[in-house]
Structures are given as C-alpha cells and as structure tokens.
Amino acid sequence: MAFKIILLLVFAAITLGIGFYTKSHATNVNGFVLGGRTVGPWLTAFAYGTSYFSAVIFVGYAGQFGWRFGIASTWIGIGNAFIGCLLAWVILGRRTRVMTQHLNSATMPQFFEKRFDSKALKIASSIIVFVFLVPYTASLYNGLSRLFGMAFNIDYSICVIAMAILTCVYVIAGGYMATAMNDFFQGIIMLIGIVAVILAVLNGQGGFLEALKGLALVNDTAVSETPGVFASFFGPDPLGLLGVVILTSLGTWGLPQMVQKFYAIKSEKSISTGTVVSTFFAIVVAGGCYFLGGFGRLFSGQIDIKANGYDSVVPTMLSSLPDILIGVVVVLVLSASMSTLSSLVLTSSSTLTLDLIKDTMIKKMDEKKQLLWMRVLIVFFILVSVVLAIIQYRSNVTFIAQLMGISWGALAGAFLAPFLYGLYWKRTTKAAVWVSFIFGAGVMIVNMVAKEIFPPILQSPINAGAFAMIAGLILVPVVSLISPKPDKDSVNSKFKCFEEKVLVSKTRALDD
C-alpha cells in the first residue's frame, strides 16, 4: 500500500510540475489553444495517441469486445493503429496544418466557418461539440471505481474528484503545451504498463500458447455453435467486429479533440516522426488492450457479466497480480483517463469560447477575456463530468456509461465527411456540410431515444455511428454535385496555400 501511494504522489507531483513549468506558453489564445503551433514531433505524436486511448478503452471496451469477439478483438487495436493513426496522419496531417494556418482557424468550427463562408456553420458545429463532447467526459471515469476498489480502500468519489482537480490545475496553468508534455509523460507510463500487464496475465495462464489453447476450449452456444470460435481469426461475429473497427478507427478523423492535434504541428519533421511514433504507440497500447481483453473468457468462472457488466472483466483479470503491478495499472489507467480528459475539456472550452461566446454573445472580447473564459469553462466542464460520473456510479445510470459510443458516432458522423472533403475538394458545398451535420447528429439522437425503429444491426450505437460516418462520405459529394457551385474565386483563395513554393534541403528532395 505504501508503494502504491508513493507512486500516485510522484505521478501527481510530476504532472503538476509540468503544468506550472509550461505556464509561460499559455499567455495568449494561440499559445493556450495550440501551443503557438510550435509543438515538436514526439509531443504531438504522444498527444494524439494518449487523447485517443482512455480508461474506457482499457477497462470498458477491451473487456466488452474481448468477451464478445475473443482474441479477434485484437483487430480493433490494429485498425486503430493503421486507420486511426497512420492513415489519419498521412491523409489529414499536412493539409490540416497548412489550411488551418492559412485560414487562421484554431478550432474545427472555425475551420467550417472560414472554409465555407458561414458563421451559422460555426455556431451549429460548436453546439454539436458542446452537446456530444462534454457529457462524453463523464465516461472517462468508468472503470476507475473497480480498479481503485481493488487497489485502495477509498471511496470512488474521492478518486474522481482528485483526478479532476489534478487535470484541471495543469490544463488551466499551461494550456495545450502542458497537456502535450503531460501526454508524453503519461504515454510512457501507458506503454510500459500495458506490456508489463500483458506479460503478467499470460504468465499466470501458463504462457501465450497455453492461454490460447484454453481460449479455444471455451464454448458459449448462446453466441456461436462453432468450437474454438473465441480463438479464431475473426471471432464469432465478423460483421459486428467490422462495425467496431470502423467506429473506433475511422471515427478519429472527425473528432475535434483529435484533429486539433494537427493544427499545432511545428514542422515537416513533426509529420513524418509523428506518423511513425503515434502508429507504434497505438499498436502497443490499443493492440495490447484488446489483445489482453481477448483472453477475458478464461476468467469466466470469476465473472458475472449479468450482475457486474463488462467493466468487471479486465479488473478481474488483474486482481491476482502482485501489488507492485496493480499500482502500475492504477497509474496507467489514471494516465489514460487524464490525458483524454485534458484534451476534451481544452477542446470544449476553446470551441465554446471562440466559436459561440465570442462575437455571438459577447461582441467585444479581447484576448485576456478569451483566456479567462476558457479557463472558467475548463472548470465548468470538469465539474459537470465529475457530477455525471458520481451520479452514474451511485445510481447505476448506465445511460451515462453509453455516452462514449453515442458521442463518437455523432461527432464523427457529423464532421468527418465535410472536414475531409473540405480539405481536398473545391466543389464541396455549404449545403452538403449542413446535410452531414443534420444526418450524423440526427442518426445518433434517434438511436439514443428510439433505437427500435432501426434495423436490428443498427440498433447498437457503435454500428449506428459507423453507418453515419460511411453515409456522410457518400452524402457530401452527392449533395455537393446537385447543389449550386461555391464561388470559384473564394474557394481558390482558400486552396492557394497548397500552391505556395518552399525550399527544402537535398535530404528532403533531389534535383531534377
């Protein structure tokens, strides 16, 4: 117990120290929101990866999908690495950085406003962010209750409040730079922790081959009649597995807190290094989490899914580990939760301040007031997340726990297609963006309140979110082609940033 407490205190001290160390970077809006667009490659890569993977992934999703799909759930982590990280950096990284700087936009709603000449789009997208991103923060605390109950004999509410205060202080102090540096520190913990935990759990089952053999002997006729299906390549439900891969991988392309990491890229080197580092990080962390969860059914004699839910799977797998490793796991989950929480509240507060309050509610808002509003809203958003998390824990309101899937589906369903086409295709129209906003958010709202009207396969929020994203990729070009063309001169002025000539050294390019 002493070791675990010391570990937490050291973690807290380093986290706060980074926050106050980076205070000088948060003296203006550009520095507070984007780190002055001077964030190096390693910090950017880790900021992207740690914002991507929270405790919801480690405890909730790894347990749930590992139980449903067996070892095949590892495909989710592989999809996260190669679609959610590698392709996202390759396709979105450079163009996002170039165009957002050219348009002088610091948030995704600002991009929509300036790319499509519509203040209404900025207001609508900021409302969508507020409605679906803020409640999502509450789900980040899920799983902490069981892990802290296993490691410490203290009330869950105290853990949540302590984590929230710690995150709040360092984000308010140093803004994006504090978040990025802490993400790097927390990311290292996540990398080391997940490898150590996987090795320890598999060792307790006699090693990888013995664990896989044991998994092949597990049968659940309610799921599949096929023997050994949980140790098979695609598991018992390949179509359901594909839906999870699409939502959790392609979804990052339309999430404001993820895309905003590209806004802060410092240089060309940051893109190439960030692509490799974030992909490696995802392979280890996401691949490792889902790989570990895939062996959950080996512990089925100790787990009552009906009574305790999927969140009990991973904690049960870890309960027999040595105290030192349990301490590492607690810090790992704290790191995963805090890194994502800091990214979410910074994105939410900057979006609400710059895109909804400034010029709309408060006409004259200087930089000092903007910073004050963002810091106040950070406190507000974290307070809301704490209240929702405690309500969910005390009254077992499962609806709050489901908000992550609904939020991802709504945000990515609304934003992914117009953002992607807006970066690459001059013909994209304002009408198409509106259709994507309404359709993506609408599908998830209807799924939330009246899912029975959907076909059975789309009643799951995950499959509905994947459907909304794919449909948006079809709707935007179709609506753009049948709606009036945008003004040619206006569009060309926005795309001229890609035509600017730059000189590079011969290490980057050869002579003709």
Protein backbone atom coordinates (compact mmCIF):
# COMPACT_ATOMS: atom_id res chain seq x y z
CA MET A 1 0.00 0.00 0.00
CA ALA A 2 2.84 2.40 0.81
CA PHE A 3 4.42 1.75 -2.58
CA LYS A 4 1.13 2.41 -4.39
CA ILE A 5 0.55 5.66 -2.50
CA ILE A 6 4.11 6.87 -3.17
CA LEU A 7 3.66 6.01 -6.86
CA LEU A 8 0.50 8.13 -7.03
CA LEU A 9 2.10 11.06 -5.19
CA VAL A 10 5.13 11.07 -7.51
CA PHE A 11 2.80 10.91 -10.52
CA ALA A 12 0.76 13.85 -9.20
CA ALA A 13 3.86 15.92 -8.42
CA ILE A 14 5.35 15.46 -11.92
CA THR A 15 2.00 16.23 -13.56
CA LEU A 16 1.53 19.47 -11.62
CA GLY A 17 5.19 20.42 -12.10
CA ILE A 18 4.80 20.16 -15.89
CA GLY A 19 1.68 22.31 -15.72
CA PHE A 20 3.41 25.17 -13.94
CA TYR A 21 6.61 24.77 -15.99
CA THR A 22 4.66 25.41 -19.20
CA LYS A 23 2.73 28.39 -17.82
CA SER A 24 4.70 30.83 -20.00
CA HIS A 25 3.31 29.17 -23.15
CA ALA A 26 -0.28 30.00 -22.20
CA THR A 27 -0.20 33.79 -22.14
CA ASN A 28 -2.25 34.26 -25.34
CA VAL A 29 -5.04 32.42 -27.17
CA ASN A 30 -2.76 30.84 -29.80
CA GLY A 31 -0.39 29.57 -27.10
CA PHE A 32 -3.16 28.35 -24.81
CA VAL A 33 -5.13 26.50 -27.52
CA LEU A 34 -2.37 25.37 -29.93
CA GLY A 35 0.90 25.80 -28.05
CA GLY A 36 1.83 28.54 -30.52
CA ARG A 37 1.92 25.89 -33.29
CA THR A 38 5.44 25.01 -32.09
CA VAL A 39 4.83 21.56 -30.60
CA GLY A 40 7.57 19.10 -31.60
CA PRO A 41 7.07 15.70 -33.27
CA TRP A 42 7.27 13.46 -30.22
CA LEU A 43 4.95 15.60 -28.12
CA THR A 44 2.44 15.85 -30.98
CA ALA A 45 2.53 12.09 -31.59
CA PHE A 46 2.02 11.23 -27.93
CA ALA A 47 -0.66 13.92 -27.55
CA TYR A 48 -2.55 12.28 -30.42
CA GLY A 49 -2.15 8.75 -29.05
CA THR A 50 -2.99 9.48 -25.43
CA SER A 51 -6.05 11.55 -26.40
CA TYR A 52 -7.18 8.59 -28.49
CA PHE A 53 -6.97 5.89 -25.81
CA SER A 54 -8.60 6.45 -22.43
CA ALA A 55 -9.53 4.23 -19.50
CA VAL A 56 -12.76 3.48 -21.36
CA ILE A 57 -10.66 1.56 -23.89
CA PHE A 58 -8.51 -0.21 -21.31
CA VAL A 59 -11.29 -1.26 -18.95
CA GLY A 60 -14.62 -0.95 -20.77
CA TYR A 61 -14.05 -1.60 -24.47
CA ALA A 62 -11.24 -4.14 -24.02
CA GLY A 63 -13.39 -6.11 -21.60
CA GLN A 64 -16.60 -5.85 -23.62
CA PHE A 65 -15.21 -6.60 -27.06
CA GLY A 66 -12.68 -9.12 -25.80
CA TRP A 67 -15.60 -11.02 -24.25
CA ARG A 68 -17.72 -10.74 -27.42
CA PHE A 69 -15.07 -11.47 -30.06
CA GLY A 70 -12.30 -13.33 -28.22
CA ILE A 71 -8.74 -12.96 -29.50
CA ALA A 72 -10.15 -11.48 -32.75
CA SER A 73 -10.76 -8.24 -30.81
CA THR A 74 -7.05 -7.54 -31.46
CA TRP A 75 -8.18 -6.44 -34.94
CA ILE A 76 -9.77 -3.40 -33.30
CA GLY A 77 -6.38 -2.27 -31.97
CA ILE A 78 -4.75 -2.96 -35.35
CA GLY A 79 -7.45 -0.90 -37.06
CA ASN A 80 -6.92 1.91 -34.54
CA ALA A 81 -3.19 1.91 -35.33
CA PHE A 82 -3.30 1.79 -39.12
CA ILE A 83 -6.58 3.60 -39.88
CA GLY A 84 -6.99 5.81 -36.82
CA CYS A 85 -3.31 6.82 -36.62
CA LEU A 86 -1.21 6.01 -39.71
CA LEU A 87 -3.77 6.95 -42.38
CA ALA A 88 -5.07 9.89 -40.34
CA TRP A 89 -1.59 11.42 -40.20
CA VAL A 90 -0.85 10.69 -43.86
CA ILE A 91 -4.16 11.97 -45.23
CA LEU A 92 -5.08 14.73 -42.78
CA GLY A 93 -1.85 15.83 -41.05
CA ARG A 94 -0.11 18.12 -43.52
CA ARG A 95 -3.22 19.51 -45.25
CA THR A 96 -4.90 20.27 -41.92
CA ARG A 97 -1.84 22.14 -40.64
CA VAL A 98 -1.40 24.15 -43.88
CA MET A 99 -5.03 25.13 -44.45
CA THR A 100 -5.92 25.89 -40.83
CA GLN A 101 -2.93 28.21 -40.54
CA HIS A 102 -3.85 29.83 -43.86
CA LEU A 103 -7.45 30.34 -42.70
CA ASN A 104 -6.29 31.36 -39.22
CA SER A 105 -8.58 28.83 -37.55
CA ALA A 106 -7.83 27.35 -34.13
CA THR A 107 -10.84 25.04 -33.81
CA MET A 108 -12.87 22.77 -36.08
CA PRO A 109 -15.95 25.06 -36.03
CA GLN A 110 -13.72 27.96 -37.10
CA PHE A 111 -12.49 25.84 -39.99
CA PHE A 112 -16.06 25.22 -41.15
CA GLU A 113 -16.87 28.93 -40.88
CA LYS A 114 -13.89 30.13 -42.88
CA ARG A 115 -13.73 27.29 -45.38
CA PHE A 116 -17.43 27.59 -46.30
CA ASP A 117 -18.01 31.30 -45.51
CA SER A 118 -20.74 30.56 -42.99
CA LYS A 119 -20.94 31.80 -39.42
CA ALA A 120 -24.06 29.64 -38.98
CA LEU A 121 -21.96 26.52 -39.64
CA LYS A 122 -19.54 27.60 -36.93
CA ILE A 123 -22.35 28.06 -34.40
CA ALA A 124 -24.06 24.78 -35.34
CA SER A 125 -20.83 22.75 -35.15
CA SER A 126 -19.87 24.32 -31.81
CA ILE A 127 -23.30 23.34 -30.41
CA ILE A 128 -22.79 19.76 -31.65
CA VAL A 129 -19.37 19.72 -29.95
CA PHE A 130 -20.87 21.03 -26.70
CA VAL A 131 -23.80 18.59 -26.69
CA PHE A 132 -21.83 15.46 -27.54
CA LEU A 133 -18.29 16.10 -26.33
CA VAL A 134 -18.89 17.42 -22.82
CA PRO A 135 -21.05 14.52 -21.49
CA TYR A 136 -18.52 12.11 -23.04
CA THR A 137 -16.02 13.29 -20.44
CA ALA A 138 -18.07 11.56 -17.75
CA SER A 139 -17.41 8.15 -19.30
CA LEU A 140 -13.66 8.61 -18.80
CA TYR A 141 -14.04 7.82 -15.12
CA ASN A 142 -15.72 4.47 -15.84
CA GLY A 143 -13.59 1.58 -14.73
CA LEU A 144 -11.69 3.64 -12.17
CA SER A 145 -14.14 2.58 -9.46
CA ARG A 146 -13.33 -1.12 -9.78
CA LEU A 147 -9.58 -0.60 -10.13
CA PHE A 148 -9.37 1.76 -7.16
CA GLY A 149 -11.61 -0.55 -5.17
CA MET A 150 -9.16 -3.36 -5.92
CA ALA A 151 -6.03 -1.33 -5.12
CA PHE A 152 -7.14 1.10 -2.36
CA ASN A 153 -9.82 1.08 0.28
CA ILE A 154 -11.05 4.60 -0.50
CA ASP A 155 -14.32 5.95 -1.87
CA TYR A 156 -14.64 6.22 -5.66
CA SER A 157 -15.93 9.80 -5.41
CA ILE A 158 -12.68 10.90 -3.77
CA CYS A 159 -10.66 9.31 -6.60
CA VAL A 160 -12.76 11.04 -9.25
CA ILE A 161 -12.54 14.44 -7.57
CA ALA A 162 -8.78 14.14 -7.01
CA MET A 163 -8.19 13.19 -10.66
CA ALA A 164 -10.42 16.02 -11.86
CA ILE A 165 -8.66 18.65 -9.72
CA LEU A 166 -5.23 17.46 -10.84
CA THR A 167 -6.22 17.65 -14.51
CA CYS A 168 -7.95 21.00 -14.06
CA VAL A 169 -4.92 22.63 -12.44
CA TYR A 170 -2.35 21.66 -15.06
CA VAL A 171 -4.60 22.45 -18.04
CA ILE A 172 -5.54 25.87 -16.66
CA ALA A 173 -1.89 26.63 -15.88
CA GLY A 174 -0.20 25.60 -19.11
CA GLY A 175 -2.95 25.06 -21.70
CA TYR A 176 -2.11 22.94 -24.73
CA MET A 177 1.63 22.79 -24.04
CA ALA A 178 1.01 21.43 -20.52
CA THR A 179 -1.40 18.90 -21.98
CA ALA A 180 1.09 17.83 -24.66
CA MET A 181 4.02 17.44 -22.24
CA ASN A 182 1.91 15.56 -19.72
CA ASP A 183 0.59 13.38 -22.54
CA PHE A 184 4.17 12.41 -23.33
CA PHE A 185 4.89 11.54 -19.69
CA GLN A 186 1.60 9.69 -19.31
CA GLY A 187 2.08 7.94 -22.64
CA ILE A 188 5.39 6.45 -21.49
CA ILE A 189 3.59 5.06 -18.43
CA MET A 190 0.89 3.58 -20.67
CA LEU A 191 3.45 1.88 -22.93
CA ILE A 192 5.39 0.32 -20.06
CA GLY A 193 2.27 -0.57 -18.09
CA ILE A 194 0.36 -2.37 -20.82
CA VAL A 195 3.37 -4.53 -21.79
CA ALA A 196 4.01 -5.47 -18.15
CA VAL A 197 0.34 -6.31 -17.53
CA ILE A 198 0.00 -8.50 -20.66
CA LEU A 199 3.12 -10.48 -19.78
CA ALA A 200 1.98 -10.95 -16.19
CA VAL A 201 -1.57 -12.05 -17.09
CA LEU A 202 -0.45 -14.50 -19.78
CA ASN A 203 2.26 -15.87 -17.50
CA GLY A 204 -0.45 -16.58 -14.93
CA GLN A 205 -2.24 -18.69 -17.55
CA GLY A 206 0.85 -20.72 -18.42
CA GLY A 207 2.10 -18.51 -21.24
CA PHE A 208 0.64 -17.35 -24.57
CA LEU A 209 0.23 -20.77 -26.22
CA GLU A 210 -1.40 -22.32 -23.15
CA ALA A 211 -3.73 -19.32 -22.80
CA LEU A 212 -4.68 -19.58 -26.48
CA LYS A 213 -5.29 -23.30 -26.10
CA GLY A 214 -7.51 -22.63 -23.09
CA LEU A 215 -9.43 -19.99 -25.04
CA ALA A 216 -10.03 -22.47 -27.88
CA LEU A 217 -11.74 -24.79 -25.40
CA VAL A 218 -14.24 -22.12 -24.31
CA ASN A 219 -17.73 -22.66 -25.73
CA ASP A 220 -20.74 -20.37 -25.49
CA THR A 221 -23.60 -21.79 -27.57
CA ALA A 222 -25.63 -18.62 -27.00
CA VAL A 223 -23.00 -16.78 -29.06
CA SER A 224 -21.85 -19.43 -31.57
CA GLU A 225 -22.09 -23.16 -32.17
CA THR A 226 -18.59 -23.23 -33.71
CA PRO A 227 -15.98 -24.89 -31.44
CA GLY A 228 -12.95 -22.74 -30.58
CA VAL A 229 -14.53 -19.64 -32.11
CA PHE A 230 -13.08 -17.29 -29.46
CA ALA A 231 -9.55 -18.27 -30.52
CA SER A 232 -10.34 -17.91 -34.24
CA PHE A 233 -9.13 -15.29 -36.72
CA PHE A 234 -12.33 -13.23 -36.98
CA GLY A 235 -14.25 -14.44 -33.92
CA PRO A 236 -17.97 -15.27 -33.64
CA ASP A 237 -19.32 -12.03 -35.20
CA PRO A 238 -17.11 -10.65 -38.03
CA LEU A 239 -19.71 -8.06 -39.12
CA GLY A 240 -20.07 -6.70 -35.59
CA LEU A 241 -16.28 -6.65 -35.29
CA LEU A 242 -16.05 -4.62 -38.51
CA GLY A 243 -18.50 -2.06 -37.12
CA VAL A 244 -16.34 -1.57 -34.01
CA VAL A 245 -13.18 -1.22 -36.13
CA ILE A 246 -14.82 1.43 -38.33
CA LEU A 247 -16.23 3.49 -35.44
CA THR A 248 -13.12 3.42 -33.25
CA SER A 249 -10.63 3.83 -36.14
CA LEU A 250 -12.19 5.99 -38.86
CA GLY A 251 -14.05 7.97 -36.20
CA THR A 252 -10.91 9.79 -35.08
CA TRP A 253 -10.80 11.60 -38.44
CA GLY A 254 -13.86 13.59 -37.41
CA LEU A 255 -13.30 14.10 -33.68
CA PRO A 256 -12.41 17.74 -32.85
CA GLN A 257 -10.06 16.81 -29.99
CA MET A 258 -8.07 14.52 -32.32
CA VAL A 259 -7.96 16.67 -35.47
CA GLN A 260 -6.93 19.70 -33.43
CA LYS A 261 -3.60 17.98 -32.71
CA PHE A 262 -2.69 18.52 -36.39
CA TYR A 263 -3.33 22.26 -36.02
CA ALA A 264 -0.37 22.51 -33.64
CA ILE A 265 2.24 20.68 -35.79
CA LYS A 266 5.55 22.55 -35.79
CA SER A 267 7.31 21.37 -38.95
CA GLU A 268 7.54 18.79 -41.75
CA LYS A 269 9.66 16.59 -39.49
CA SER A 270 6.84 16.58 -36.96
CA ILE A 271 4.56 14.96 -39.53
CA SER A 272 6.92 12.11 -40.52
CA THR A 273 8.03 11.42 -36.94
CA GLY A 274 4.52 11.83 -35.56
CA THR A 275 3.13 9.36 -38.08
CA VAL A 276 5.58 6.62 -37.06
CA VAL A 277 5.51 7.28 -33.30
CA SER A 278 1.71 7.56 -32.96
CA THR A 279 1.22 4.39 -35.03
CA PHE A 280 3.72 2.47 -32.87
CA PHE A 281 2.03 3.83 -29.74
CA ALA A 282 -1.37 2.65 -30.98
CA ILE A 283 -0.07 -0.81 -31.88
CA VAL A 284 1.27 -1.29 -28.37
CA VAL A 285 -1.47 0.40 -26.34
CA ALA A 286 -4.65 -0.29 -28.37
CA GLY A 287 -3.43 -3.60 -29.76
CA GLY A 288 -2.27 -4.62 -26.30
CA CYS A 289 -5.53 -3.63 -24.57
CA TYR A 290 -7.78 -5.54 -26.98
CA PHE A 291 -5.35 -8.48 -27.13
CA LEU A 292 -5.45 -8.68 -23.33
CA GLY A 293 -9.25 -8.37 -23.26
CA GLY A 294 -9.49 -11.22 -25.76
CA PHE A 295 -8.48 -13.67 -23.03
CA GLY A 296 -11.23 -12.48 -20.68
CA ARG A 297 -13.30 -15.65 -21.06
CA LEU A 298 -10.51 -17.65 -19.39
CA PHE A 299 -11.73 -15.96 -16.19
CA SER A 300 -15.43 -16.64 -16.81
CA GLY A 301 -15.68 -18.65 -13.57
CA GLN A 302 -14.90 -15.46 -11.62
CA ILE A 303 -17.02 -13.04 -13.69
CA ASP A 304 -20.79 -12.47 -13.64
CA ILE A 305 -21.48 -10.33 -16.71
CA LYS A 306 -25.21 -10.01 -16.00
CA ALA A 307 -24.64 -8.74 -12.47
CA ASN A 308 -21.46 -6.69 -12.89
CA GLY A 309 -21.27 -5.82 -16.59
CA TYR A 310 -18.34 -5.85 -18.97
CA ASP A 311 -16.40 -3.36 -16.85
CA SER A 312 -15.69 -6.21 -14.43
CA VAL A 313 -13.78 -8.32 -16.98
CA VAL A 314 -10.38 -6.56 -17.04
CA PRO A 315 -10.27 -5.78 -13.27
CA THR A 316 -10.96 -9.46 -12.56
CA MET A 317 -8.11 -10.46 -14.88
CA LEU A 318 -5.79 -8.11 -12.97
CA SER A 319 -6.92 -8.90 -9.42
CA SER A 320 -4.36 -11.66 -8.89
CA LEU A 321 -1.36 -9.59 -9.99
CA PRO A 322 1.36 -8.58 -7.49
CA ASP A 323 0.75 -5.32 -5.59
CA ILE A 324 3.52 -3.52 -7.48
CA LEU A 325 1.90 -4.32 -10.83
CA ILE A 326 -1.54 -3.31 -9.54
CA GLY A 327 -0.02 0.04 -8.57
CA VAL A 328 1.36 0.38 -12.10
CA VAL A 329 -2.07 -0.47 -13.53
CA VAL A 330 -3.77 2.20 -11.42
CA VAL A 331 -1.28 4.83 -12.61
CA LEU A 332 -1.69 3.52 -16.17
CA VAL A 333 -5.48 3.97 -16.05
CA LEU A 334 -5.12 7.39 -14.40
CA SER A 335 -2.72 8.43 -17.16
CA ALA A 336 -5.08 7.22 -19.88
CA SER A 337 -8.06 9.00 -18.31
CA MET A 338 -6.32 12.28 -17.52
CA SER A 339 -4.68 12.63 -20.92
CA THR A 340 -8.01 12.21 -22.71
CA LEU A 341 -9.89 14.36 -20.17
CA SER A 342 -7.42 17.23 -20.59
CA SER A 343 -7.79 17.09 -24.37
CA LEU A 344 -11.58 17.01 -24.20
CA VAL A 345 -12.00 19.93 -21.79
CA LEU A 346 -9.44 22.06 -23.65
CA THR A 347 -11.23 21.40 -26.95
CA SER A 348 -14.67 22.03 -25.41
CA SER A 349 -13.71 25.25 -23.64
CA SER A 350 -11.83 26.72 -26.63
CA THR A 351 -14.66 25.80 -29.02
CA LEU A 352 -17.37 27.29 -26.82
CA THR A 353 -15.36 30.46 -26.13
CA LEU A 354 -14.02 31.18 -29.61
CA ASP A 355 -16.93 29.89 -31.66
CA LEU A 356 -20.08 30.51 -29.64
CA ILE A 357 -19.49 33.15 -26.97
CA LYS A 358 -17.04 35.43 -28.78
CA ASP A 359 -18.74 37.78 -31.31
CA THR A 360 -22.08 35.96 -30.87
CA MET A 361 -22.92 36.52 -27.20
CA ILE A 362 -20.15 38.97 -26.33
CA LYS A 363 -19.36 41.31 -29.21
CA LYS A 364 -16.13 42.84 -27.93
CA MET A 365 -13.93 40.19 -26.34
CA ASP A 366 -10.22 40.90 -26.08
CA GLU A 367 -7.57 38.18 -25.73
CA LYS A 368 -7.38 38.48 -21.95
CA LYS A 369 -11.12 37.88 -21.62
CA GLN A 370 -10.97 34.95 -24.03
CA LEU A 371 -8.32 33.27 -21.89
CA LEU A 372 -10.37 33.92 -18.75
CA TRP A 373 -13.49 32.44 -20.32
CA MET A 374 -11.62 29.35 -21.47
CA ARG A 375 -10.18 28.75 -18.02
CA VAL A 376 -13.56 29.22 -16.35
CA LEU A 377 -15.19 26.84 -18.82
CA ILE A 378 -12.49 24.22 -18.18
CA VAL A 379 -13.51 24.26 -14.52
CA PHE A 380 -17.19 24.08 -15.53
CA PHE A 381 -16.73 21.15 -17.92
CA ILE A 382 -14.64 19.16 -15.45
CA LEU A 383 -17.22 19.84 -12.72
CA VAL A 384 -20.01 18.58 -14.99
CA SER A 385 -18.04 15.43 -15.79
CA VAL A 386 -17.43 14.75 -12.09
CA VAL A 387 -21.09 15.21 -11.19
CA LEU A 388 -22.24 12.93 -14.03
CA ALA A 389 -19.64 10.29 -13.15
CA ILE A 390 -20.66 10.23 -9.48
CA ILE A 391 -24.38 10.11 -10.37
CA GLN A 392 -23.68 7.20 -12.71
CA TYR A 393 -21.72 5.36 -10.02
CA ARG A 394 -24.18 5.99 -7.19
CA SER A 395 -27.40 5.26 -9.07
CA ASN A 396 -26.02 2.90 -11.72
CA VAL A 397 -27.38 5.03 -14.59
CA THR A 398 -25.95 3.01 -17.47
CA PHE A 399 -27.07 5.66 -19.97
CA ILE A 400 -24.11 7.86 -18.99
CA ALA A 401 -21.70 4.98 -19.49
CA GLN A 402 -23.01 4.53 -23.05
CA LEU A 403 -22.32 8.14 -24.00
CA MET A 404 -18.87 7.43 -25.42
CA GLY A 405 -20.21 5.36 -28.32
CA ILE A 406 -23.03 7.85 -28.95
CA SER A 407 -20.65 10.82 -28.79
CA TRP A 408 -18.10 9.30 -31.16
CA GLY A 409 -20.82 8.38 -33.63
CA ALA A 410 -22.48 11.81 -33.57
CA LEU A 411 -19.29 13.87 -33.80
CA ALA A 412 -17.57 11.76 -36.44
CA GLY A 413 -20.83 11.21 -38.33
CA ALA A 414 -21.41 14.97 -38.50
CA PHE A 415 -17.84 16.23 -39.05
CA LEU A 416 -15.72 13.56 -40.75
CA ALA A 417 -17.02 13.86 -44.32
CA PRO A 418 -17.27 17.68 -44.57
CA PHE A 419 -13.85 18.12 -42.95
CA LEU A 420 -12.15 15.58 -45.23
CA TYR A 421 -13.79 16.81 -48.43
CA GLY A 422 -13.31 20.41 -47.32
CA LEU A 423 -9.55 19.85 -47.20
CA TYR A 424 -9.29 18.13 -50.58
CA TRP A 425 -12.24 19.00 -52.83
CA LYS A 426 -13.01 22.54 -54.00
CA ARG A 427 -16.51 21.53 -55.12
CA THR A 428 -17.69 20.76 -51.55
CA THR A 429 -20.68 22.99 -50.77
CA LYS A 430 -22.18 24.57 -47.69
CA ALA A 431 -25.45 22.65 -48.28
CA ALA A 432 -23.57 19.33 -48.17
CA VAL A 433 -21.98 20.28 -44.85
CA TRP A 434 -25.41 21.06 -43.39
CA VAL A 435 -26.75 17.71 -44.58
CA SER A 436 -23.83 15.90 -42.95
CA PHE A 437 -24.31 17.79 -39.66
CA ILE A 438 -28.03 17.05 -39.52
CA PHE A 439 -27.77 13.43 -40.67
CA GLY A 440 -24.81 12.44 -38.46
CA ALA A 441 -26.10 14.01 -35.25
CA GLY A 442 -29.70 13.05 -36.09
CA VAL A 443 -28.95 9.35 -36.56
CA MET A 444 -27.32 9.14 -33.13
CA ILE A 445 -30.03 11.15 -31.38
CA VAL A 446 -32.74 8.88 -32.83
CA ASN A 447 -30.64 5.82 -31.92
CA MET A 448 -30.43 7.13 -28.37
CA VAL A 449 -34.18 7.79 -27.87
CA ALA A 450 -35.89 5.35 -30.25
CA LYS A 451 -33.42 2.70 -31.42
CA GLU A 452 -36.24 0.19 -32.03
CA ILE A 453 -37.13 1.94 -35.32
CA PHE A 454 -33.71 0.96 -36.73
CA PRO A 455 -32.99 -2.45 -38.29
CA PRO A 456 -31.52 -4.83 -35.66
CA ILE A 457 -27.96 -4.39 -36.94
CA LEU A 458 -28.13 -0.58 -36.47
CA GLN A 459 -29.69 -0.60 -33.00
CA SER A 460 -26.21 -0.76 -31.50
CA PRO A 461 -24.80 2.80 -31.05
CA ILE A 462 -21.48 1.52 -32.42
CA ASN A 463 -22.95 0.21 -35.67
CA ALA A 464 -25.19 3.28 -35.98
CA GLY A 465 -22.13 5.53 -35.60
CA ALA A 466 -20.20 3.57 -38.23
CA PHE A 467 -23.21 3.83 -40.56
CA ALA A 468 -23.46 7.61 -40.01
CA MET A 469 -19.78 8.09 -40.91
CA ILE A 470 -19.90 5.98 -44.08
CA ALA A 471 -23.20 7.56 -45.15
CA GLY A 472 -21.66 11.03 -44.70
CA LEU A 473 -18.83 10.12 -47.06
CA ILE A 474 -21.48 9.37 -49.70
CA LEU A 475 -23.92 12.18 -48.91
CA VAL A 476 -21.43 15.06 -49.02
CA PRO A 477 -20.23 14.52 -52.63
CA VAL A 478 -23.77 13.71 -53.85
CA VAL A 479 -25.31 16.84 -52.30
CA SER A 480 -22.34 18.95 -53.42
CA LEU A 481 -22.85 17.88 -57.04
CA ILE A 482 -26.58 18.71 -57.07
CA SER A 483 -26.32 22.00 -55.14
CA PRO A 484 -25.04 25.33 -56.56
CA LYS A 485 -21.27 25.57 -57.04
CA PRO A 486 -19.37 27.64 -54.47
CA ASP A 487 -17.80 30.91 -55.59
CA LYS A 488 -14.71 30.00 -57.63
CA ASP A 489 -12.54 32.93 -56.53
CA SER A 490 -13.38 32.40 -52.86
CA VAL A 491 -12.53 28.69 -52.99
CA ASN A 492 -9.32 29.26 -54.95
CA SER A 493 -8.16 31.78 -52.36
CA LYS A 494 -8.53 29.10 -49.66
CA PHE A 495 -6.67 26.44 -51.63
CA LYS A 496 -3.83 28.68 -52.81
CA CYS A 497 -1.91 27.83 -49.61
CA PHE A 498 -1.15 24.43 -51.14
CA GLU A 499 0.42 26.04 -54.22
CA GLU A 500 3.00 28.10 -52.33
CA LYS A 501 6.59 27.12 -53.17
CA VAL A 502 9.00 26.24 -50.38
CA LEU A 503 12.71 25.46 -50.47
CA VAL A 504 13.88 22.22 -48.93
CA SER A 505 17.29 20.64 -48.39
CA LYS A 506 18.52 17.71 -50.50
CA THR A 507 17.81 15.40 -47.58
CA ARG A 508 14.12 16.04 -48.36
CA ALA A 509 14.19 16.20 -52.19
CA LEU A 510 16.61 15.59 -55.10
CA ASP A 511 17.33 17.83 -58.09
CA ASP A 512 15.58 17.00 -61.37
